[in-house]
């Protein structure tokens, strides 16, 4: 029962948290808006993991174009949600 990387044990807890938040966001926002928000959240967290070099991932330098891409996607959600 030896585990080399203790952080890998968090996978189940993180997965359960993600499942709960996805279920709640589908009910609150609807499937399309929730799916867009989920994907953007995953991209943002993945970029932070790359920047910090967490979980054994190679540390990457900061790039403005990636932040710009996330902002464009967020702006798309705002446009999608915008109603008269």
PDB file of N, CA and C in Angstrom:
ATOM      1  N   UNK A   1       0.809  -1.199   0.000  1.00  0.00           N
ATOM      2  CA  UNK A   1       0.000   0.000   0.000  1.00  0.00           C
ATOM      3  C   UNK A   1       0.853   1.264   0.000  1.00  0.00           C
ATOM      4  N   UNK A   2       2.061   1.149  -0.477  1.00  0.00           N
ATOM      5  CA  UNK A   2       2.948   2.308  -0.558  1.00  0.00           C
ATOM      6  C   UNK A   2       2.575   3.165  -1.767  1.00  0.00           C
ATOM      7  N   UNK A   3       2.497   4.475  -1.569  1.00  0.00           N
ATOM      8  CA  UNK A   3       2.207   5.424  -2.642  1.00  0.00           C
ATOM      9  C   UNK A   3       3.378   6.391  -2.723  1.00  0.00           C
ATOM     10  N   UNK A   4       3.987   6.492  -3.914  1.00  0.00           N
ATOM     11  CA  UNK A   4       5.145   7.375  -4.084  1.00  0.00           C
ATOM     12  C   UNK A   4       4.748   8.841  -3.985  1.00  0.00           C
ATOM     13  N   UNK A   5       3.722   9.219  -4.713  1.00  0.00           N
ATOM     14  CA  UNK A   5       3.282  10.612  -4.730  1.00  0.00           C
ATOM     15  C   UNK A   5       1.961  10.715  -3.978  1.00  0.00           C
ATOM     16  N   UNK A   6       2.014  11.254  -2.787  1.00  0.00           N
ATOM     17  CA  UNK A   6       0.830  11.331  -1.928  1.00  0.00           C
ATOM     18  C   UNK A   6      -0.291  12.164  -2.549  1.00  0.00           C
ATOM     19  N   UNK A   7       0.046  13.161  -3.381  1.00  0.00           N
ATOM     20  CA  UNK A   7      -0.982  14.010  -3.977  1.00  0.00           C
ATOM     21  C   UNK A   7      -1.896  13.230  -4.911  1.00  0.00           C
ATOM     22  N   UNK A   8      -1.448  12.090  -5.422  1.00  0.00           N
ATOM     23  CA  UNK A   8      -2.310  11.300  -6.310  1.00  0.00           C
ATOM     24  C   UNK A   8      -3.510  10.738  -5.564  1.00  0.00           C
ATOM     25  N   UNK A   9      -3.432  10.662  -4.243  1.00  0.00           N
ATOM     26  CA  UNK A   9      -4.564  10.183  -3.454  1.00  0.00           C
ATOM     27  C   UNK A   9      -5.720  11.183  -3.456  1.00  0.00           C
ATOM     28  N   UNK A  10      -5.458  12.419  -3.831  1.00  0.00           N
ATOM     29  CA  UNK A  10      -6.510  13.429  -3.894  1.00  0.00           C
ATOM     30  C   UNK A  10      -7.410  13.274  -5.116  1.00  0.00           C
ATOM     31  N   UNK A  11      -7.047  12.433  -6.043  1.00  0.00           N
ATOM     32  CA  UNK A  11      -7.810  12.273  -7.282  1.00  0.00           C
ATOM     33  C   UNK A  11      -9.279  11.953  -7.045  1.00  0.00           C
ATOM     34  N   UNK A  12      -9.563  11.057  -6.126  1.00  0.00           N
ATOM     35  CA  UNK A  12     -10.947  10.691  -5.851  1.00  0.00           C
ATOM     36  C   UNK A  12     -11.729  11.830  -5.226  1.00  0.00           C
ATOM     37  N   UNK A  13     -11.113  12.547  -4.297  1.00  0.00           N
ATOM     38  CA  UNK A  13     -11.774  13.670  -3.638  1.00  0.00           C
ATOM     39  C   UNK A  13     -12.043  14.784  -4.645  1.00  0.00           C
ATOM     40  N   UNK A  14     -11.052  15.092  -5.448  1.00  0.00           N
ATOM     41  CA  UNK A  14     -11.214  16.138  -6.462  1.00  0.00           C
ATOM     42  C   UNK A  14     -12.281  15.723  -7.475  1.00  0.00           C
ATOM     43  N   UNK A  15     -12.276  14.467  -7.882  1.00  0.00           N
ATOM     44  CA  UNK A  15     -13.281  13.967  -8.821  1.00  0.00           C
ATOM     45  C   UNK A  15     -14.691  14.068  -8.267  1.00  0.00           C
ATOM     46  N   UNK A  16     -14.870  13.736  -6.993  1.00  0.00           N
ATOM     47  CA  UNK A  16     -16.186  13.842  -6.353  1.00  0.00           C
ATOM     48  C   UNK A  16     -16.641  15.302  -6.299  1.00  0.00           C
ATOM     49  N   UNK A  17     -15.718  16.206  -5.959  1.00  0.00           N
ATOM     50  CA  UNK A  17     -16.045  17.638  -5.914  1.00  0.00           C
ATOM     51  C   UNK A  17     -16.458  18.146  -7.288  1.00  0.00           C
ATOM     52  N   UNK A  18     -15.726  17.747  -8.315  1.00  0.00           N
ATOM     53  CA  UNK A  18     -16.051  18.171  -9.679  1.00  0.00           C
ATOM     54  C   UNK A  18     -17.418  17.641 -10.089  1.00  0.00           C
ATOM     55  N   UNK A  19     -17.703  16.388  -9.765  1.00  0.00           N
ATOM     56  CA  UNK A  19     -18.996  15.795 -10.123  1.00  0.00           C
ATOM     57  C   UNK A  19     -20.144  16.562  -9.461  1.00  0.00           C
ATOM     58  N   UNK A  20     -19.996  16.886  -8.191  1.00  0.00           N
ATOM     59  CA  UNK A  20     -21.048  17.624  -7.477  1.00  0.00           C
ATOM     60  C   UNK A  20     -21.255  19.008  -8.095  1.00  0.00           C
ATOM     61  N   UNK A  21     -20.162  19.715  -8.376  1.00  0.00           N
ATOM     62  CA  UNK A  21     -20.299  21.056  -8.943  1.00  0.00           C
ATOM     63  C   UNK A  21     -20.879  21.022 -10.353  1.00  0.00           C
ATOM     64  N   UNK A  22     -20.558  20.000 -11.139  1.00  0.00           N
ATOM     65  CA  UNK A  22     -21.126  19.882 -12.483  1.00  0.00           C
ATOM     66  C   UNK A  22     -22.634  19.658 -12.392  1.00  0.00           C
ATOM     67  N   UNK A  23     -23.073  18.782 -11.506  1.00  0.00           N
ATOM     68  CA  UNK A  23     -24.499  18.508 -11.350  1.00  0.00           C
ATOM     69  C   UNK A  23     -25.247  19.773 -10.928  1.00  0.00           C
ATOM     70  N   UNK A  24     -24.686  20.500  -9.972  1.00  0.00           N
ATOM     71  CA  UNK A  24     -25.337  21.716  -9.504  1.00  0.00           C
ATOM     72  C   UNK A  24     -25.346  22.809 -10.570  1.00  0.00           C
ATOM     73  N   UNK A  25     -24.263  22.935 -11.331  1.00  0.00           N
ATOM     74  CA  UNK A  25     -24.217  23.984 -12.353  1.00  0.00           C
ATOM     75  C   UNK A  25     -25.143  23.674 -13.522  1.00  0.00           C
ATOM     76  N   UNK A  26     -25.337  22.412 -13.840  1.00  0.00           N
ATOM     77  CA  UNK A  26     -26.273  22.054 -14.914  1.00  0.00           C
ATOM     78  C   UNK A  26     -27.682  22.495 -14.545  1.00  0.00           C
ATOM     79  N   UNK A  27     -28.064  22.283 -13.300  1.00  0.00           N
ATOM     80  CA  UNK A  27     -29.394  22.689 -12.862  1.00  0.00           C
ATOM     81  C   UNK A  27     -29.557  24.194 -12.788  1.00  0.00           C
ATOM     82  N   UNK A  28     -28.508  24.886 -12.367  1.00  0.00           N
ATOM     83  CA  UNK A  28     -28.598  26.336 -12.174  1.00  0.00           C
ATOM     84  C   UNK A  28     -28.440  27.123 -13.475  1.00  0.00           C
ATOM     85  N   UNK A  29     -27.556  26.688 -14.342  1.00  0.00           N
ATOM     86  CA  UNK A  29     -27.241  27.460 -15.549  1.00  0.00           C
ATOM     87  C   UNK A  29     -27.824  26.887 -16.834  1.00  0.00           C
ATOM     88  N   UNK A  30     -28.116  25.620 -16.840  1.00  0.00           N
ATOM     89  CA  UNK A  30     -28.507  24.951 -18.077  1.00  0.00           C
ATOM     90  C   UNK A  30     -27.294  24.276 -18.675  1.00  0.00           C
ATOM     91  N   UNK A  31     -27.513  23.298 -19.540  1.00  0.00           N
ATOM     92  CA  UNK A  31     -26.394  22.495 -20.050  1.00  0.00           C
ATOM     93  C   UNK A  31     -25.352  23.264 -20.867  1.00  0.00           C
ATOM     94  N   UNK A  32     -25.780  24.145 -21.756  1.00  0.00           N
ATOM     95  CA  UNK A  32     -24.823  24.836 -22.629  1.00  0.00           C
ATOM     96  C   UNK A  32     -23.918  25.782 -21.845  1.00  0.00           C
ATOM     97  N   UNK A  33     -24.516  26.610 -21.004  1.00  0.00           N
ATOM     98  CA  UNK A  33     -23.725  27.570 -20.229  1.00  0.00           C
ATOM     99  C   UNK A  33     -22.826  26.844 -19.231  1.00  0.00           C
ATOM    100  N   UNK A  34     -23.358  25.811 -18.606  1.00  0.00           N
ATOM    101  CA  UNK A  34     -22.565  25.051 -17.638  1.00  0.00           C
ATOM    102  C   UNK A  34     -21.370  24.384 -18.321  1.00  0.00           C
ATOM    103  N   UNK A  35     -21.591  23.801 -19.485  1.00  0.00           N
ATOM    104  CA  UNK A  35     -20.500  23.130 -20.205  1.00  0.00           C
ATOM    105  C   UNK A  35     -19.407  24.129 -20.578  1.00  0.00           C
ATOM    106  N   UNK A  36     -19.796  25.318 -21.041  1.00  0.00           N
ATOM    107  CA  UNK A  36     -18.795  26.334 -21.393  1.00  0.00           C
ATOM    108  C   UNK A  36     -18.009  26.771 -20.162  1.00  0.00           C
ATOM    109  N   UNK A  37     -18.703  26.978 -19.058  1.00  0.00           N
ATOM    110  CA  UNK A  37     -18.037  27.395 -17.827  1.00  0.00           C
ATOM    111  C   UNK A  37     -17.096  26.310 -17.314  1.00  0.00           C
ATOM    112  N   UNK A  38     -17.505  25.057 -17.408  1.00  0.00           N
ATOM    113  CA  UNK A  38     -16.678  23.937 -16.963  1.00  0.00           C
ATOM    114  C   UNK A  38     -15.393  23.855 -17.778  1.00  0.00           C
ATOM    115  N   UNK A  39     -15.507  23.975 -19.090  1.00  0.00           N
ATOM    116  CA  UNK A  39     -14.323  23.889 -19.953  1.00  0.00           C
ATOM    117  C   UNK A  39     -13.364  25.042 -19.676  1.00  0.00           C
ATOM    118  N   UNK A  40     -13.895  26.250 -19.520  1.00  0.00           N
ATOM    119  CA  UNK A  40     -13.027  27.397 -19.239  1.00  0.00           C
ATOM    120  C   UNK A  40     -12.357  27.244 -17.881  1.00  0.00           C
ATOM    121  N   UNK A  41     -13.086  26.736 -16.902  1.00  0.00           N
ATOM    122  CA  UNK A  41     -12.496  26.506 -15.583  1.00  0.00           C
ATOM    123  C   UNK A  41     -11.369  25.487 -15.651  1.00  0.00           C
ATOM    124  N   UNK A  42     -11.570  24.428 -16.424  1.00  0.00           N
ATOM    125  CA  UNK A  42     -10.533  23.409 -16.585  1.00  0.00           C
ATOM    126  C   UNK A  42      -9.294  23.996 -17.252  1.00  0.00           C
ATOM    127  N   UNK A  43      -9.497  24.828 -18.262  1.00  0.00           N
ATOM    128  CA  UNK A  43      -8.365  25.466 -18.934  1.00  0.00           C
ATOM    129  C   UNK A  43      -7.600  26.380 -17.980  1.00  0.00           C
ATOM    130  N   UNK A  44      -8.323  27.156 -17.177  1.00  0.00           N
ATOM    131  CA  UNK A  44      -7.675  28.077 -16.244  1.00  0.00           C
ATOM    132  C   UNK A  44      -6.868  27.316 -15.189  1.00  0.00           C
ATOM    133  N   UNK A  45      -7.452  26.273 -14.631  1.00  0.00           N
ATOM    134  CA  UNK A  45      -6.745  25.490 -13.612  1.00  0.00           C
ATOM    135  C   UNK A  45      -5.533  24.785 -14.222  1.00  0.00           C
ATOM    136  N   UNK A  46      -5.695  24.255 -15.421  1.00  0.00           N
ATOM    137  CA  UNK A  46      -4.580  23.586 -16.087  1.00  0.00           C
ATOM    138  C   UNK A  46      -3.432  24.567 -16.345  1.00  0.00           C
ATOM    139  N   UNK A  47      -3.763  25.808 -16.706  1.00  0.00           N
ATOM    140  CA  UNK A  47      -2.716  26.799 -16.952  1.00  0.00           C
ATOM    141  C   UNK A  47      -1.990  27.167 -15.654  1.00  0.00           C
ATOM    142  N   UNK A  48      -2.742  27.296 -14.574  1.00  0.00           N
ATOM    143  CA  UNK A  48      -2.113  27.579 -13.273  1.00  0.00           C
ATOM    144  C   UNK A  48      -1.187  26.432 -12.871  1.00  0.00           C
ATOM    145  N   UNK A  49      -1.625  25.206 -13.102  1.00  0.00           N
ATOM    146  CA  UNK A  49      -0.785  24.038 -12.799  1.00  0.00           C
ATOM    147  C   UNK A  49       0.500  24.082 -13.620  1.00  0.00           C
ATOM    148  N   UNK A  50       0.394  24.436 -14.903  1.00  0.00           N
ATOM    149  CA  UNK A  50       1.588  24.556 -15.754  1.00  0.00           C
ATOM    150  C   UNK A  50       2.515  25.655 -15.257  1.00  0.00           C
ATOM    151  N   UNK A  51       1.946  26.802 -14.908  1.00  0.00           N
ATOM    152  CA  UNK A  51       2.771  27.933 -14.454  1.00  0.00           C
ATOM    153  C   UNK A  51       3.523  27.605 -13.171  1.00  0.00           C
ATOM    154  N   UNK A  52       2.858  26.909 -12.269  1.00  0.00           N
ATOM    155  CA  UNK A  52       3.468  26.596 -10.974  1.00  0.00           C
ATOM    156  C   UNK A  52       4.302  25.314 -11.008  1.00  0.00           C
ATOM    157  N   UNK A  53       4.137  24.515 -12.052  1.00  0.00           N
ATOM    158  CA  UNK A  53       4.870  23.257 -12.131  1.00  0.00           C
ATOM    159  C   UNK A  53       4.392  22.239 -11.110  1.00  0.00           C
ATOM    160  N   UNK A  54       3.101  22.236 -10.846  1.00  0.00           N
ATOM    161  CA  UNK A  54       2.536  21.323  -9.848  1.00  0.00           C
ATOM    162  C   UNK A  54       2.359  19.910 -10.400  1.00  0.00           C
ATOM    163  N   UNK A  55       2.268  18.947  -9.509  1.00  0.00           N
ATOM    164  CA  UNK A  55       1.964  17.554  -9.833  1.00  0.00           C
ATOM    165  C   UNK A  55       2.962  16.929 -10.811  1.00  0.00           C
ATOM    166  N   UNK A  56       4.201  17.357 -10.760  1.00  0.00           N
ATOM    167  CA  UNK A  56       5.228  16.768 -11.608  1.00  0.00           C
ATOM    168  C   UNK A  56       5.249  17.271 -13.038  1.00  0.00           C
ATOM    169  N   UNK A  57       4.448  18.286 -13.332  1.00  0.00           N
ATOM    170  CA  UNK A  57       4.397  18.866 -14.683  1.00  0.00           C
ATOM    171  C   UNK A  57       5.560  19.840 -14.835  1.00  0.00           C
ATOM    172  N   UNK A  58       6.141  19.899 -16.025  1.00  0.00           N
ATOM    173  CA  UNK A  58       7.215  20.855 -16.277  1.00  0.00           C
ATOM    174  C   UNK A  58       6.680  22.273 -16.149  1.00  0.00           C
ATOM    175  N   UNK A  59       7.449  23.129 -15.488  1.00  0.00           N
ATOM    176  CA  UNK A  59       7.056  24.523 -15.303  1.00  0.00           C
ATOM    177  C   UNK A  59       7.181  25.257 -16.629  1.00  0.00           C
ATOM    178  N   UNK A  60       6.143  25.990 -17.003  1.00  0.00           N
ATOM    179  CA  UNK A  60       6.113  26.716 -18.267  1.00  0.00           C
ATOM    180  C   UNK A  60       6.152  28.223 -17.999  1.00  0.00           C
ATOM    181  N   UNK A  61       6.692  28.994 -18.928  1.00  0.00           N
ATOM    182  CA  UNK A  61       6.710  30.443 -18.750  1.00  0.00           C
ATOM    183  C   UNK A  61       5.317  31.050 -18.996  1.00  0.00           C
ATOM    184  N   UNK A  62       5.082  32.221 -18.396  1.00  0.00           N
ATOM    185  CA  UNK A  62       3.816  32.930 -18.566  1.00  0.00           C
ATOM    186  C   UNK A  62       3.689  33.429 -20.001  1.00  0.00           C
ATOM    187  N   UNK A  63       2.486  33.280 -20.574  1.00  0.00           N
ATOM    188  CA  UNK A  63       2.224  33.779 -21.925  1.00  0.00           C
ATOM    189  C   UNK A  63       0.915  34.543 -21.928  1.00  0.00           C
ATOM    190  N   UNK A  64       0.972  35.795 -22.368  1.00  0.00           N
ATOM    191  CA  UNK A  64      -0.217  36.639 -22.422  1.00  0.00           C
ATOM    192  C   UNK A  64      -1.266  36.101 -23.369  1.00  0.00           C
ATOM    193  N   UNK A  65      -0.849  35.447 -24.448  1.00  0.00           N
ATOM    194  CA  UNK A  65      -1.828  34.969 -25.433  1.00  0.00           C
ATOM    195  C   UNK A  65      -2.750  33.918 -24.830  1.00  0.00           C
ATOM    196  N   UNK A  66      -2.268  33.151 -23.871  1.00  0.00           N
ATOM    197  CA  UNK A  66      -3.124  32.159 -23.226  1.00  0.00           C
ATOM    198  C   UNK A  66      -4.152  32.837 -22.328  1.00  0.00           C
ATOM    199  N   UNK A  67      -3.737  33.889 -21.632  1.00  0.00           N
ATOM    200  CA  UNK A  67      -4.681  34.665 -20.820  1.00  0.00           C
ATOM    201  C   UNK A  67      -5.706  35.340 -21.722  1.00  0.00           C
ATOM    202  N   UNK A  68      -5.249  35.864 -22.844  1.00  0.00           N
ATOM    203  CA  UNK A  68      -6.163  36.493 -23.801  1.00  0.00           C
ATOM    204  C   UNK A  68      -7.184  35.485 -24.311  1.00  0.00           C
ATOM    205  N   UNK A  69      -6.745  34.283 -24.590  1.00  0.00           N
ATOM    206  CA  UNK A  69      -7.669  33.236 -25.036  1.00  0.00           C
ATOM    207  C   UNK A  69      -8.721  32.927 -23.991  1.00  0.00           C
ATOM    208  N   UNK A  70      -8.322  32.845 -22.722  1.00  0.00           N
ATOM    209  CA  UNK A  70      -9.285  32.618 -21.643  1.00  0.00           C
ATOM    210  C   UNK A  70     -10.265  33.782 -21.523  1.00  0.00           C
ATOM    211  N   UNK A  71      -9.767  35.001 -21.657  1.00  0.00           N
ATOM    212  CA  UNK A  71     -10.646  36.170 -21.570  1.00  0.00           C
ATOM    213  C   UNK A  71     -11.650  36.211 -22.718  1.00  0.00           C
ATOM    214  N   UNK A  72     -11.222  35.828 -23.906  1.00  0.00           N
ATOM    215  CA  UNK A  72     -12.135  35.770 -25.049  1.00  0.00           C
ATOM    216  C   UNK A  72     -13.228  34.733 -24.795  1.00  0.00           C
ATOM    217  N   UNK A  73     -12.848  33.589 -24.239  1.00  0.00           N
ATOM    218  CA  UNK A  73     -13.833  32.551 -23.929  1.00  0.00           C
ATOM    219  C   UNK A  73     -14.813  33.032 -22.864  1.00  0.00           C
ATOM    220  N   UNK A  74     -14.319  33.723 -21.841  1.00  0.00           N
ATOM    221  CA  UNK A  74     -15.196  34.262 -20.796  1.00  0.00           C
ATOM    222  C   UNK A  74     -16.140  35.298 -21.393  1.00  0.00           C
ATOM    223  N   UNK A  75     -15.616  36.143 -22.270  1.00  0.00           N
ATOM    224  CA  UNK A  75     -16.453  37.130 -22.951  1.00  0.00           C
ATOM    225  C   UNK A  75     -17.534  36.432 -23.781  1.00  0.00           C
ATOM    226  N   UNK A  76     -17.202  35.291 -24.364  1.00  0.00           N
ATOM    227  CA  UNK A  76     -18.189  34.511 -25.109  1.00  0.00           C
ATOM    228  C   UNK A  76     -19.316  34.022 -24.220  1.00  0.00           C
ATOM    229  N   UNK A  77     -19.000  33.613 -23.008  1.00  0.00           N
ATOM    230  CA  UNK A  77     -20.045  33.191 -22.063  1.00  0.00           C
ATOM    231  C   UNK A  77     -20.944  34.381 -21.715  1.00  0.00           C
ATOM    232  N   UNK A  78     -20.335  35.541 -21.513  1.00  0.00           N
ATOM    233  CA  UNK A  78     -21.125  36.718 -21.186  1.00  0.00           C
ATOM    234  C   UNK A  78     -22.083  37.061 -22.325  1.00  0.00           C
ATOM    235  N   UNK A  79     -21.593  36.992 -23.554  1.00  0.00           N
ATOM    236  CA  UNK A  79     -22.443  37.251 -24.717  1.00  0.00           C
ATOM    237  C   UNK A  79     -23.545  36.193 -24.806  1.00  0.00           C
ATOM    238  N   UNK A  80     -23.192  34.952 -24.585  1.00  0.00           N
ATOM    239  CA  UNK A  80     -24.155  33.849 -24.660  1.00  0.00           C
ATOM    240  C   UNK A  80     -25.255  34.013 -23.612  1.00  0.00           C
ATOM    241  N   UNK A  81     -24.898  34.509 -22.433  1.00  0.00           N
ATOM    242  CA  UNK A  81     -25.852  34.649 -21.334  1.00  0.00           C
ATOM    243  C   UNK A  81     -26.661  35.941 -21.429  1.00  0.00           C
ATOM    244  N   UNK A  82     -26.164  36.884 -22.166  1.00  0.00           N
ATOM    245  CA  UNK A  82     -26.780  38.206 -22.252  1.00  0.00           C
ATOM    246  C   UNK A  82     -28.178  38.109 -22.862  1.00  0.00           C
ATOM    247  N   UNK A  83     -29.147  38.663 -22.154  1.00  0.00           N
ATOM    248  CA  UNK A  83     -30.530  38.678 -22.644  1.00  0.00           C
ATOM    249  C   UNK A  83     -31.066  40.096 -22.592  1.00  0.00           C
ATOM    250  N   UNK A  84     -32.018  40.390 -23.452  1.00  0.00           N
ATOM    251  CA  UNK A  84     -32.634  41.737 -23.462  1.00  0.00           C
ATOM    252  C   UNK A  84     -33.655  41.837 -22.376  1.00  0.00           C
TER     253      UNK A  84
END
